[in-house]
Amino acid sequence: MFRRFAALAAAFSLAAAPALAAPRDADPALWMVRDADTTIYLFGTVHFLPKDLSWFDEAVADAFNASDELRMELLPVDDPASLGPLIMKLAVDPNGRTM
């Protein structure tokens, strides 16, 4: 009896659950630079995107998978322990506004 009730409850919960919307395609900036023996992919990132945008599409996945090496543009950090307070100071709005 308990199994029937559990199965019935699960069926109703699935039927009542809202349908999840498919993510929208962001079409990120992806360029290819090529000569006779080298292919370089330049991938432009976006740091703040709506939650429903899907940026890692097939073209990006193919470029990542075809690459032998990944280079990232990062700033050198002399003192990693100083990053936390710096991020809190510069990246958080003291008035509580969010993007």
N, C-alpha and C. Protein backbone atom coordinates (compact mmCIF):
# COMPACT_ATOMS: atom_id res chain seq x y z
N MET A 1 0.82 -1.19 0.00
CA MET A 1 0.00 0.00 0.00
C MET A 1 0.86 1.26 0.00
N PHE A 2 1.93 1.25 0.83
CA PHE A 2 2.82 2.41 0.92
C PHE A 2 3.48 2.68 -0.44
N ARG A 3 3.88 1.61 -1.14
CA ARG A 3 4.52 1.78 -2.45
C ARG A 3 3.57 2.44 -3.45
N ARG A 4 2.30 2.04 -3.43
CA ARG A 4 1.33 2.64 -4.34
C ARG A 4 1.15 4.13 -4.03
N PHE A 5 1.06 4.44 -2.72
CA PHE A 5 0.90 5.84 -2.32
C PHE A 5 2.12 6.66 -2.75
N ALA A 6 3.33 6.11 -2.54
CA ALA A 6 4.55 6.83 -2.92
C ALA A 6 4.61 7.05 -4.42
N ALA A 7 4.23 6.04 -5.19
CA ALA A 7 4.25 6.17 -6.65
C ALA A 7 3.23 7.21 -7.10
N LEU A 8 2.06 7.22 -6.47
CA LEU A 8 1.03 8.19 -6.82
C LEU A 8 1.47 9.61 -6.45
N ALA A 9 2.10 9.77 -5.29
CA ALA A 9 2.59 11.08 -4.86
C ALA A 9 3.68 11.58 -5.81
N ALA A 10 4.56 10.68 -6.22
CA ALA A 10 5.63 11.06 -7.15
C ALA A 10 5.04 11.48 -8.49
N ALA A 11 4.04 10.78 -8.95
CA ALA A 11 3.42 11.12 -10.23
C ALA A 11 2.75 12.49 -10.17
N PHE A 12 2.07 12.77 -9.07
CA PHE A 12 1.43 14.10 -8.94
C PHE A 12 2.46 15.20 -8.81
N SER A 13 3.56 14.94 -8.11
CA SER A 13 4.57 15.99 -7.96
C SER A 13 5.24 16.30 -9.30
N LEU A 14 5.44 15.29 -10.13
CA LEU A 14 6.02 15.52 -11.45
C LEU A 14 5.05 16.28 -12.35
N ALA A 15 3.78 15.95 -12.25
CA ALA A 15 2.78 16.61 -13.08
C ALA A 15 2.61 18.07 -12.66
N ALA A 16 2.78 18.36 -11.36
CA ALA A 16 2.59 19.71 -10.87
C ALA A 16 3.84 20.57 -11.03
N ALA A 17 4.99 19.95 -11.28
CA ALA A 17 6.24 20.70 -11.40
C ALA A 17 6.21 21.54 -12.68
N PRO A 18 6.66 22.80 -12.59
CA PRO A 18 6.68 23.63 -13.80
C PRO A 18 7.71 23.11 -14.79
N ALA A 19 7.41 23.26 -16.06
CA ALA A 19 8.35 22.82 -17.10
C ALA A 19 9.56 23.74 -17.08
N LEU A 20 10.73 23.15 -17.16
CA LEU A 20 11.96 23.94 -17.19
C LEU A 20 12.17 24.48 -18.60
N ALA A 21 12.41 25.77 -18.68
CA ALA A 21 12.65 26.39 -19.98
C ALA A 21 14.04 26.02 -20.47
N ALA A 22 14.15 25.78 -21.74
CA ALA A 22 15.46 25.49 -22.34
C ALA A 22 16.31 26.75 -22.29
N PRO A 23 17.61 26.62 -22.00
CA PRO A 23 18.45 27.81 -21.96
C PRO A 23 18.55 28.47 -23.33
N ARG A 24 18.65 29.80 -23.31
CA ARG A 24 18.83 30.55 -24.55
C ARG A 24 20.29 30.46 -24.97
N ASP A 25 20.54 30.48 -26.27
CA ASP A 25 21.89 30.38 -26.82
C ASP A 25 22.54 31.75 -26.82
N ALA A 26 23.71 31.87 -26.20
CA ALA A 26 24.39 33.16 -26.08
C ALA A 26 25.27 33.49 -27.28
N ASP A 27 25.66 32.51 -28.07
CA ASP A 27 26.57 32.72 -29.20
C ASP A 27 27.77 33.59 -28.80
N PRO A 28 28.66 33.04 -28.00
CA PRO A 28 29.80 33.83 -27.51
C PRO A 28 30.77 34.19 -28.63
N ALA A 29 31.59 35.17 -28.34
CA ALA A 29 32.61 35.61 -29.30
C ALA A 29 33.68 34.53 -29.41
N LEU A 30 33.84 33.99 -30.61
CA LEU A 30 34.84 32.96 -30.86
C LEU A 30 35.43 33.21 -32.24
N TRP A 31 36.72 33.50 -32.26
CA TRP A 31 37.42 33.77 -33.52
C TRP A 31 38.47 32.70 -33.76
N MET A 32 38.77 32.44 -35.02
CA MET A 32 39.82 31.51 -35.39
C MET A 32 40.85 32.27 -36.23
N VAL A 33 42.11 32.13 -35.85
CA VAL A 33 43.23 32.70 -36.60
C VAL A 33 44.06 31.52 -37.07
N ARG A 34 44.35 31.45 -38.38
CA ARG A 34 45.00 30.25 -38.91
C ARG A 34 46.05 30.64 -39.94
N ASP A 35 47.16 29.89 -39.93
CA ASP A 35 48.12 29.97 -41.04
C ASP A 35 48.38 28.55 -41.50
N ALA A 36 49.46 28.32 -42.22
CA ALA A 36 49.71 27.01 -42.82
C ALA A 36 49.81 25.88 -41.80
N ASP A 37 50.35 26.15 -40.59
CA ASP A 37 50.57 25.06 -39.65
C ASP A 37 50.02 25.32 -38.25
N THR A 38 49.28 26.38 -38.05
CA THR A 38 48.80 26.71 -36.71
C THR A 38 47.38 27.24 -36.77
N THR A 39 46.57 26.80 -35.82
CA THR A 39 45.23 27.34 -35.64
C THR A 39 45.13 27.85 -34.22
N ILE A 40 44.68 29.09 -34.07
CA ILE A 40 44.51 29.70 -32.76
C ILE A 40 43.06 30.12 -32.63
N TYR A 41 42.43 29.74 -31.52
CA TYR A 41 41.07 30.16 -31.22
C TYR A 41 41.13 31.26 -30.17
N LEU A 42 40.45 32.35 -30.42
CA LEU A 42 40.35 33.44 -29.46
C LEU A 42 38.91 33.44 -28.95
N PHE A 43 38.78 33.27 -27.67
CA PHE A 43 37.46 33.13 -27.07
C PHE A 43 37.21 34.30 -26.14
N GLY A 44 36.20 35.09 -26.43
CA GLY A 44 35.85 36.23 -25.60
C GLY A 44 34.85 35.83 -24.54
N THR A 45 35.19 36.10 -23.29
CA THR A 45 34.29 35.72 -22.21
C THR A 45 33.40 36.88 -21.82
N VAL A 46 32.30 36.55 -21.22
CA VAL A 46 31.38 37.53 -20.64
C VAL A 46 31.24 37.13 -19.18
N HIS A 47 31.51 38.05 -18.29
CA HIS A 47 31.56 37.69 -16.87
C HIS A 47 30.21 37.66 -16.18
N PHE A 48 29.25 38.40 -16.68
CA PHE A 48 27.92 38.39 -16.08
C PHE A 48 26.90 38.11 -17.17
N LEU A 49 26.26 36.97 -17.06
CA LEU A 49 25.23 36.60 -18.02
C LEU A 49 23.97 36.20 -17.26
N PRO A 50 22.81 36.39 -17.85
CA PRO A 50 21.59 35.87 -17.23
C PRO A 50 21.71 34.35 -17.06
N LYS A 51 21.06 33.83 -16.03
CA LYS A 51 21.16 32.40 -15.71
C LYS A 51 20.65 31.51 -16.84
N ASP A 52 19.75 32.02 -17.67
CA ASP A 52 19.16 31.16 -18.70
C ASP A 52 19.92 31.20 -20.02
N LEU A 53 21.12 31.81 -20.05
CA LEU A 53 21.93 31.82 -21.27
C LEU A 53 22.94 30.67 -21.24
N SER A 54 23.01 29.95 -22.31
CA SER A 54 23.95 28.86 -22.45
C SER A 54 25.07 29.30 -23.39
N TRP A 55 26.27 29.48 -22.85
CA TRP A 55 27.37 29.99 -23.68
C TRP A 55 28.29 28.87 -24.18
N PHE A 56 28.31 27.73 -23.54
CA PHE A 56 29.24 26.66 -23.93
C PHE A 56 28.55 25.80 -24.98
N ASP A 57 28.52 26.31 -26.21
CA ASP A 57 27.83 25.61 -27.28
C ASP A 57 28.79 24.68 -28.02
N GLU A 58 28.32 24.08 -29.09
CA GLU A 58 29.11 23.09 -29.83
C GLU A 58 30.38 23.69 -30.43
N ALA A 59 30.31 24.92 -30.94
CA ALA A 59 31.49 25.56 -31.53
C ALA A 59 32.57 25.77 -30.48
N VAL A 60 32.17 26.20 -29.30
CA VAL A 60 33.14 26.41 -28.21
C VAL A 60 33.72 25.07 -27.77
N ALA A 61 32.89 24.09 -27.59
CA ALA A 61 33.37 22.76 -27.19
C ALA A 61 34.33 22.18 -28.23
N ASP A 62 34.01 22.34 -29.50
CA ASP A 62 34.89 21.83 -30.56
C ASP A 62 36.24 22.54 -30.54
N ALA A 63 36.24 23.86 -30.32
CA ALA A 63 37.49 24.61 -30.26
C ALA A 63 38.32 24.17 -29.07
N PHE A 64 37.70 24.01 -27.91
CA PHE A 64 38.44 23.55 -26.72
C PHE A 64 39.01 22.16 -26.96
N ASN A 65 38.21 21.26 -27.52
CA ASN A 65 38.65 19.88 -27.74
C ASN A 65 39.74 19.78 -28.80
N ALA A 66 39.76 20.69 -29.77
CA ALA A 66 40.76 20.65 -30.83
C ALA A 66 42.09 21.28 -30.41
N SER A 67 42.11 21.89 -29.25
CA SER A 67 43.29 22.64 -28.82
C SER A 67 44.27 21.77 -28.05
N ASP A 68 45.56 22.01 -28.29
CA ASP A 68 46.61 21.32 -27.55
C ASP A 68 47.00 22.09 -26.29
N GLU A 69 46.65 23.37 -26.25
CA GLU A 69 47.13 24.24 -25.19
C GLU A 69 46.06 25.28 -24.88
N LEU A 70 45.93 25.64 -23.61
CA LEU A 70 45.00 26.69 -23.20
C LEU A 70 45.80 27.80 -22.53
N ARG A 71 45.63 29.01 -23.02
CA ARG A 71 46.28 30.20 -22.43
C ARG A 71 45.17 31.10 -21.95
N MET A 72 45.33 31.62 -20.74
CA MET A 72 44.32 32.50 -20.18
C MET A 72 44.94 33.84 -19.83
N GLU A 73 44.16 34.89 -20.01
CA GLU A 73 44.60 36.22 -19.64
C GLU A 73 44.27 36.43 -18.17
N LEU A 74 45.29 36.39 -17.34
CA LEU A 74 45.12 36.57 -15.91
C LEU A 74 46.14 37.58 -15.40
N LEU A 75 45.74 38.34 -14.43
CA LEU A 75 46.66 39.29 -13.82
C LEU A 75 47.55 38.57 -12.82
N PRO A 76 48.83 38.90 -12.77
CA PRO A 76 49.70 38.28 -11.76
C PRO A 76 49.29 38.75 -10.37
N VAL A 77 49.35 37.84 -9.41
CA VAL A 77 48.99 38.17 -8.03
C VAL A 77 50.21 37.92 -7.16
N ASP A 78 50.70 39.01 -6.55
CA ASP A 78 51.87 38.88 -5.67
C ASP A 78 51.50 38.28 -4.32
N ASP A 79 50.32 38.64 -3.81
CA ASP A 79 49.90 38.20 -2.49
C ASP A 79 48.48 37.65 -2.56
N PRO A 80 48.32 36.35 -2.78
CA PRO A 80 46.98 35.78 -2.92
C PRO A 80 46.07 36.04 -1.73
N ALA A 81 46.63 36.15 -0.52
CA ALA A 81 45.82 36.38 0.67
C ALA A 81 45.14 37.75 0.62
N SER A 82 45.67 38.67 -0.17
CA SER A 82 45.09 40.01 -0.24
C SER A 82 43.88 40.07 -1.18
N LEU A 83 43.63 39.02 -1.95
CA LEU A 83 42.53 39.05 -2.91
C LEU A 83 41.15 39.10 -2.27
N GLY A 84 40.93 38.35 -1.21
CA GLY A 84 39.62 38.32 -0.57
C GLY A 84 39.14 39.70 -0.16
N PRO A 85 39.92 40.42 0.65
CA PRO A 85 39.49 41.77 1.03
C PRO A 85 39.37 42.72 -0.17
N LEU A 86 40.24 42.58 -1.14
CA LEU A 86 40.19 43.45 -2.31
C LEU A 86 38.91 43.20 -3.11
N ILE A 87 38.55 41.94 -3.30
CA ILE A 87 37.31 41.60 -4.01
C ILE A 87 36.11 42.15 -3.25
N MET A 88 36.09 41.96 -1.94
CA MET A 88 34.98 42.48 -1.15
C MET A 88 34.88 44.00 -1.24
N LYS A 89 36.01 44.66 -1.32
CA LYS A 89 36.02 46.12 -1.40
C LYS A 89 35.55 46.62 -2.77
N LEU A 90 36.00 45.97 -3.84
CA LEU A 90 35.76 46.48 -5.19
C LEU A 90 34.61 45.80 -5.93
N ALA A 91 34.27 44.57 -5.57
CA ALA A 91 33.31 43.81 -6.36
C ALA A 91 31.92 43.71 -5.73
N VAL A 92 31.77 44.18 -4.51
CA VAL A 92 30.48 44.09 -3.84
C VAL A 92 29.97 45.50 -3.59
N ASP A 93 28.74 45.76 -4.01
CA ASP A 93 28.14 47.07 -3.81
C ASP A 93 27.74 47.20 -2.34
N PRO A 94 28.26 48.20 -1.63
CA PRO A 94 27.92 48.35 -0.21
C PRO A 94 26.44 48.64 0.02
N ASN A 95 25.72 49.06 -1.03
CA ASN A 95 24.27 49.30 -0.91
C ASN A 95 23.44 48.04 -1.18
N GLY A 96 24.12 46.92 -1.47
CA GLY A 96 23.42 45.66 -1.66
C GLY A 96 22.84 45.44 -3.04
N ARG A 97 23.09 46.35 -3.98
CA ARG A 97 22.59 46.15 -5.34
C ARG A 97 23.36 45.01 -6.00
N THR A 98 22.66 44.24 -6.80
CA THR A 98 23.29 43.14 -7.53
C THR A 98 23.05 43.33 -9.02
N MET A 99 23.82 42.60 -9.79
CA MET A 99 23.65 42.68 -11.23
C MET A 99 22.52 41.76 -11.63
